[in-house]
Protein backbone atom coordinates (compact mmCIF):
# COMPACT_ATOMS: atom_id res chain seq x y z
CA MET A 1 -18.39 15.56 -13.56
CA SER A 2 -16.67 12.15 -13.61
CA SER A 3 -18.66 9.04 -14.20
CA ALA A 4 -18.32 5.91 -12.10
CA ILE A 5 -16.58 4.22 -15.04
CA ASP A 6 -13.91 6.96 -15.12
CA VAL A 7 -13.29 6.56 -11.39
CA ILE A 8 -12.96 2.77 -11.66
CA GLU A 9 -10.67 3.07 -14.68
CA ASN A 10 -8.47 5.58 -12.87
CA LEU A 11 -8.29 3.34 -9.77
CA ASN A 12 -7.28 0.39 -11.97
CA ILE A 13 -4.53 2.45 -13.61
CA LEU A 14 -3.27 3.67 -10.23
CA THR A 15 -3.31 0.15 -8.75
CA SER A 16 -1.38 -1.21 -11.74
CA HIS A 17 1.22 1.54 -11.38
CA ILE A 18 1.67 0.83 -7.66
CA LYS A 19 2.06 -2.92 -8.31
CA VAL A 20 4.77 -2.26 -10.90
CA SER A 21 6.67 0.35 -8.87
CA GLU A 22 6.41 -1.30 -5.43
CA GLY A 23 6.05 -4.96 -6.32
CA GLU A 24 3.37 -7.33 -5.07
CA TYR A 25 4.13 -9.75 -2.25
CA PHE A 26 1.82 -12.40 -0.85
CA ARG A 27 3.67 -12.55 2.47
CA VAL A 28 4.61 -10.08 5.17
CA TYR A 29 7.90 -8.30 4.46
CA SER A 30 9.78 -5.28 5.78
CA ASP A 31 9.81 -2.33 3.43
CA PRO A 32 12.97 -0.18 3.09
CA LEU A 33 12.00 1.72 6.27
CA GLY A 34 11.49 -1.49 8.25
CA ILE A 35 7.70 -1.23 8.26
CA PRO A 36 5.89 -4.61 8.19
CA THR A 37 4.02 -4.63 4.88
CA ILE A 38 1.96 -7.00 2.72
CA GLY A 39 0.54 -7.00 -0.81
CA TYR A 40 1.65 -3.96 -2.72
CA GLY A 41 2.52 -1.47 -0.02
CA TYR A 42 -0.14 -2.00 2.66
CA ALA A 43 1.50 -1.13 5.98
CA LEU A 44 0.41 -3.50 8.74
CA ALA A 45 1.85 -1.25 11.44
CA ILE A 46 3.52 2.13 11.78
CA LYS A 47 5.53 3.70 14.56
CA GLY A 48 3.73 6.44 16.41
CA GLU A 49 5.33 9.58 17.78
CA ASP A 50 6.06 7.69 21.00
CA GLY A 51 8.13 5.13 19.04
CA ARG A 52 5.69 2.29 19.67
CA TRP A 53 4.17 0.21 16.86
CA LYS A 54 0.51 0.82 16.04
CA TYR A 55 -1.12 -2.12 14.27
CA TYR A 56 -3.87 -1.98 11.66
C-alpha cells in the first residue's frame, strides 16, 4: 500500500515532467491542435462531437 508521501512525491515528479515537456505559460495560448490552453497543458475548452467549443 502506498503512503500519502509516496503519492505526493509521485505527483510532484509527474508535474515537473509535464512542465518540462509541455512548457509553462502564464497566459492563454493555442496548443498545436488550436485548443485554448493555460499553465502547463490545462485545456480551457475542447470541441465536442458537434464541433462546438465546450468551456471549462
